[in-house]
Amino acid sequence: MDRLMDSCRFCGGYLEESTSMVKTHWRDRTITIDNVNCWICNTCGEVYVSPDMAKKIKALERPLDREEFLIKPYLYKKI
């Protein structure tokens, strides 16, 4: 995974490559995605994802992708 930045923009802490749970929201629903490749600040815990990953996560907010995800989340284990 290509590093986008070297330090956290909030606290200046070091970013470590990892995986994390990411939440996105649509109306009154929260969509939770496990094991998303990301960078996590070792000081404050802020999570950063790549622009490509952000687009994939944002796609789940589109009606067709979102409804399929909510019905068959196992299809999206490897985003």
N, C-alpha and C. Protein backbone atom coordinates (compact mmCIF):
# COMPACT_ATOMS: atom_id res chain seq x y z
N MET A 1 0.85 -1.17 0.00
CA MET A 1 0.00 0.00 0.00
C MET A 1 0.90 1.23 0.00
N ASP A 2 0.65 2.13 -0.92
CA ASP A 2 1.46 3.34 -1.00
C ASP A 2 1.11 4.30 0.13
N ARG A 3 2.14 4.84 0.75
CA ARG A 3 1.94 5.78 1.86
C ARG A 3 1.58 7.15 1.29
N LEU A 4 0.50 7.70 1.79
CA LEU A 4 0.05 9.02 1.33
C LEU A 4 0.74 10.16 2.06
N MET A 5 1.05 9.92 3.34
CA MET A 5 1.68 10.94 4.17
C MET A 5 2.49 10.24 5.25
N ASP A 6 3.41 10.94 5.85
CA ASP A 6 4.28 10.34 6.86
C ASP A 6 3.77 10.49 8.28
N SER A 7 2.98 11.53 8.52
CA SER A 7 2.53 11.77 9.88
C SER A 7 1.07 12.18 9.91
N CYS A 8 0.46 12.01 11.07
CA CYS A 8 -0.95 12.34 11.26
C CYS A 8 -1.15 13.85 11.12
N ARG A 9 -2.18 14.23 10.39
CA ARG A 9 -2.43 15.66 10.20
C ARG A 9 -3.03 16.31 11.44
N PHE A 10 -3.50 15.50 12.40
CA PHE A 10 -4.09 16.06 13.61
C PHE A 10 -3.09 16.22 14.74
N CYS A 11 -2.26 15.18 14.96
CA CYS A 11 -1.37 15.24 16.12
C CYS A 11 0.11 15.11 15.76
N GLY A 12 0.42 14.79 14.50
CA GLY A 12 1.80 14.64 14.08
C GLY A 12 2.40 13.28 14.37
N GLY A 13 1.58 12.34 14.90
CA GLY A 13 2.07 11.00 15.21
C GLY A 13 2.44 10.20 13.96
N TYR A 14 3.15 9.08 14.17
CA TYR A 14 3.61 8.22 13.08
C TYR A 14 2.46 7.34 12.61
N LEU A 15 2.33 7.16 11.28
CA LEU A 15 1.29 6.32 10.71
C LEU A 15 1.83 4.93 10.45
N GLU A 16 1.12 3.92 10.96
CA GLU A 16 1.51 2.53 10.78
C GLU A 16 0.51 1.84 9.87
N GLU A 17 1.00 1.05 8.92
CA GLU A 17 0.13 0.30 8.01
C GLU A 17 -0.58 -0.79 8.81
N SER A 18 -1.88 -0.94 8.57
CA SER A 18 -2.67 -1.89 9.35
C SER A 18 -3.98 -2.18 8.62
N THR A 19 -4.89 -2.85 9.31
CA THR A 19 -6.27 -2.99 8.85
C THR A 19 -7.16 -2.52 9.98
N SER A 20 -8.35 -2.07 9.62
CA SER A 20 -9.25 -1.54 10.64
C SER A 20 -10.69 -1.69 10.19
N MET A 21 -11.59 -1.54 11.14
CA MET A 21 -13.01 -1.48 10.84
C MET A 21 -13.32 -0.03 10.43
N VAL A 22 -14.07 0.13 9.36
CA VAL A 22 -14.44 1.46 8.88
C VAL A 22 -15.96 1.53 8.82
N LYS A 23 -16.49 2.65 9.26
CA LYS A 23 -17.94 2.86 9.22
C LYS A 23 -18.27 3.97 8.24
N THR A 24 -19.35 3.77 7.50
CA THR A 24 -19.88 4.80 6.63
C THR A 24 -21.37 4.89 6.93
N HIS A 25 -21.97 6.01 6.65
CA HIS A 25 -23.37 6.22 7.03
C HIS A 25 -24.21 6.55 5.80
N TRP A 26 -25.44 6.08 5.85
CA TRP A 26 -26.43 6.43 4.84
C TRP A 26 -27.75 6.57 5.55
N ARG A 27 -28.32 7.75 5.50
CA ARG A 27 -29.54 8.09 6.23
C ARG A 27 -29.42 7.66 7.68
N ASP A 28 -30.28 6.72 8.12
CA ASP A 28 -30.24 6.30 9.52
C ASP A 28 -29.46 5.01 9.72
N ARG A 29 -28.78 4.53 8.69
CA ARG A 29 -28.05 3.27 8.77
C ARG A 29 -26.54 3.51 8.86
N THR A 30 -25.89 2.64 9.59
CA THR A 30 -24.43 2.63 9.64
C THR A 30 -23.96 1.35 8.97
N ILE A 31 -23.08 1.49 8.00
CA ILE A 31 -22.51 0.34 7.31
C ILE A 31 -21.10 0.15 7.85
N THR A 32 -20.82 -1.03 8.40
CA THR A 32 -19.53 -1.34 8.99
C THR A 32 -18.79 -2.32 8.10
N ILE A 33 -17.53 -2.02 7.78
CA ILE A 33 -16.71 -2.88 6.93
C ILE A 33 -15.46 -3.25 7.72
N ASP A 34 -15.22 -4.54 7.87
CA ASP A 34 -14.07 -5.03 8.62
C ASP A 34 -12.86 -5.22 7.71
N ASN A 35 -11.69 -5.20 8.29
CA ASN A 35 -10.42 -5.52 7.62
C ASN A 35 -10.11 -4.65 6.40
N VAL A 36 -10.31 -3.35 6.54
CA VAL A 36 -9.99 -2.40 5.48
C VAL A 36 -8.51 -2.02 5.61
N ASN A 37 -7.76 -2.12 4.53
CA ASN A 37 -6.35 -1.70 4.53
C ASN A 37 -6.29 -0.20 4.78
N CYS A 38 -5.43 0.20 5.70
CA CYS A 38 -5.37 1.61 6.07
C CYS A 38 -4.06 1.91 6.76
N TRP A 39 -3.91 3.16 7.21
CA TRP A 39 -2.83 3.59 8.08
C TRP A 39 -3.48 4.12 9.33
N ILE A 40 -2.91 3.80 10.48
CA ILE A 40 -3.46 4.25 11.76
C ILE A 40 -2.38 5.01 12.51
N CYS A 41 -2.75 6.17 13.03
CA CYS A 41 -1.82 6.98 13.82
C CYS A 41 -1.53 6.26 15.14
N ASN A 42 -0.25 6.10 15.45
CA ASN A 42 0.11 5.39 16.68
C ASN A 42 -0.05 6.26 17.93
N THR A 43 -0.40 7.54 17.75
CA THR A 43 -0.59 8.42 18.89
C THR A 43 -2.08 8.64 19.19
N CYS A 44 -2.86 9.08 18.19
CA CYS A 44 -4.26 9.41 18.45
C CYS A 44 -5.25 8.40 17.89
N GLY A 45 -4.78 7.47 17.04
CA GLY A 45 -5.66 6.44 16.50
C GLY A 45 -6.45 6.83 15.27
N GLU A 46 -6.20 8.02 14.74
CA GLU A 46 -6.89 8.45 13.51
C GLU A 46 -6.59 7.45 12.40
N VAL A 47 -7.63 7.10 11.60
CA VAL A 47 -7.50 6.13 10.53
C VAL A 47 -7.50 6.85 9.18
N TYR A 48 -6.58 6.46 8.31
CA TYR A 48 -6.47 7.02 6.97
C TYR A 48 -6.58 5.89 5.95
N VAL A 49 -7.37 6.10 4.90
CA VAL A 49 -7.46 5.13 3.80
C VAL A 49 -6.99 5.80 2.52
N SER A 50 -6.58 5.00 1.55
CA SER A 50 -6.13 5.53 0.27
C SER A 50 -7.32 6.11 -0.50
N PRO A 51 -7.06 7.00 -1.45
CA PRO A 51 -8.15 7.54 -2.26
C PRO A 51 -8.94 6.44 -2.97
N ASP A 52 -8.26 5.40 -3.45
CA ASP A 52 -8.94 4.30 -4.12
C ASP A 52 -9.87 3.57 -3.16
N MET A 53 -9.40 3.31 -1.95
CA MET A 53 -10.24 2.64 -0.95
C MET A 53 -11.41 3.53 -0.55
N ALA A 54 -11.19 4.83 -0.44
CA ALA A 54 -12.27 5.76 -0.10
C ALA A 54 -13.36 5.72 -1.16
N LYS A 55 -12.97 5.61 -2.44
CA LYS A 55 -13.96 5.51 -3.51
C LYS A 55 -14.78 4.23 -3.39
N LYS A 56 -14.11 3.12 -3.05
CA LYS A 56 -14.82 1.84 -2.89
C LYS A 56 -15.80 1.90 -1.72
N ILE A 57 -15.38 2.52 -0.64
CA ILE A 57 -16.25 2.64 0.52
C ILE A 57 -17.42 3.57 0.19
N LYS A 58 -17.13 4.67 -0.47
CA LYS A 58 -18.17 5.63 -0.85
C LYS A 58 -19.19 4.99 -1.79
N ALA A 59 -18.74 4.04 -2.63
CA ALA A 59 -19.63 3.36 -3.57
C ALA A 59 -20.74 2.61 -2.83
N LEU A 60 -20.47 2.18 -1.60
CA LEU A 60 -21.48 1.48 -0.83
C LEU A 60 -22.64 2.38 -0.44
N GLU A 61 -22.46 3.68 -0.60
CA GLU A 61 -23.55 4.61 -0.32
C GLU A 61 -24.49 4.76 -1.51
N ARG A 62 -24.09 4.23 -2.68
CA ARG A 62 -24.99 4.26 -3.83
C ARG A 62 -26.09 3.22 -3.61
N PRO A 63 -27.30 3.51 -4.02
CA PRO A 63 -28.41 2.60 -3.73
C PRO A 63 -28.20 1.14 -4.11
N LEU A 64 -27.77 0.82 -5.32
CA LEU A 64 -27.64 -0.58 -5.72
C LEU A 64 -26.56 -1.29 -4.94
N ASP A 65 -25.38 -0.68 -4.81
CA ASP A 65 -24.30 -1.30 -4.06
C ASP A 65 -24.66 -1.44 -2.58
N ARG A 66 -25.28 -0.43 -2.04
CA ARG A 66 -25.64 -0.44 -0.63
C ARG A 66 -26.64 -1.55 -0.33
N GLU A 67 -27.69 -1.66 -1.13
CA GLU A 67 -28.71 -2.68 -0.88
C GLU A 67 -28.13 -4.08 -1.03
N GLU A 68 -27.27 -4.28 -2.03
CA GLU A 68 -26.64 -5.59 -2.20
C GLU A 68 -25.75 -5.89 -0.99
N PHE A 69 -25.02 -4.91 -0.53
CA PHE A 69 -24.14 -5.10 0.64
C PHE A 69 -24.96 -5.47 1.87
N LEU A 70 -26.07 -4.79 2.08
CA LEU A 70 -26.88 -5.06 3.26
C LEU A 70 -27.53 -6.44 3.20
N ILE A 71 -27.82 -6.92 2.00
CA ILE A 71 -28.42 -8.25 1.83
C ILE A 71 -27.36 -9.34 1.85
N LYS A 72 -26.21 -9.10 1.20
CA LYS A 72 -25.15 -10.11 1.05
C LYS A 72 -23.78 -9.54 1.45
N PRO A 73 -23.58 -9.20 2.72
CA PRO A 73 -22.30 -8.60 3.12
C PRO A 73 -21.10 -9.51 2.88
N TYR A 74 -21.30 -10.80 2.86
CA TYR A 74 -20.20 -11.74 2.65
C TYR A 74 -19.55 -11.57 1.28
N LEU A 75 -20.25 -10.98 0.34
CA LEU A 75 -19.67 -10.73 -0.99
C LEU A 75 -18.64 -9.62 -0.96
N TYR A 76 -18.64 -8.80 0.10
CA TYR A 76 -17.77 -7.62 0.19
C TYR A 76 -16.67 -7.79 1.21
N LYS A 77 -16.34 -9.02 1.59
CA LYS A 77 -15.30 -9.21 2.61
C LYS A 77 -13.95 -8.67 2.17
N LYS A 78 -13.65 -8.70 0.90
CA LYS A 78 -12.34 -8.26 0.40
C LYS A 78 -12.52 -7.00 -0.43
N ILE A 79 -12.75 -5.88 0.21
CA ILE A 79 -12.89 -4.62 -0.53
C ILE A 79 -11.51 -4.13 -0.89
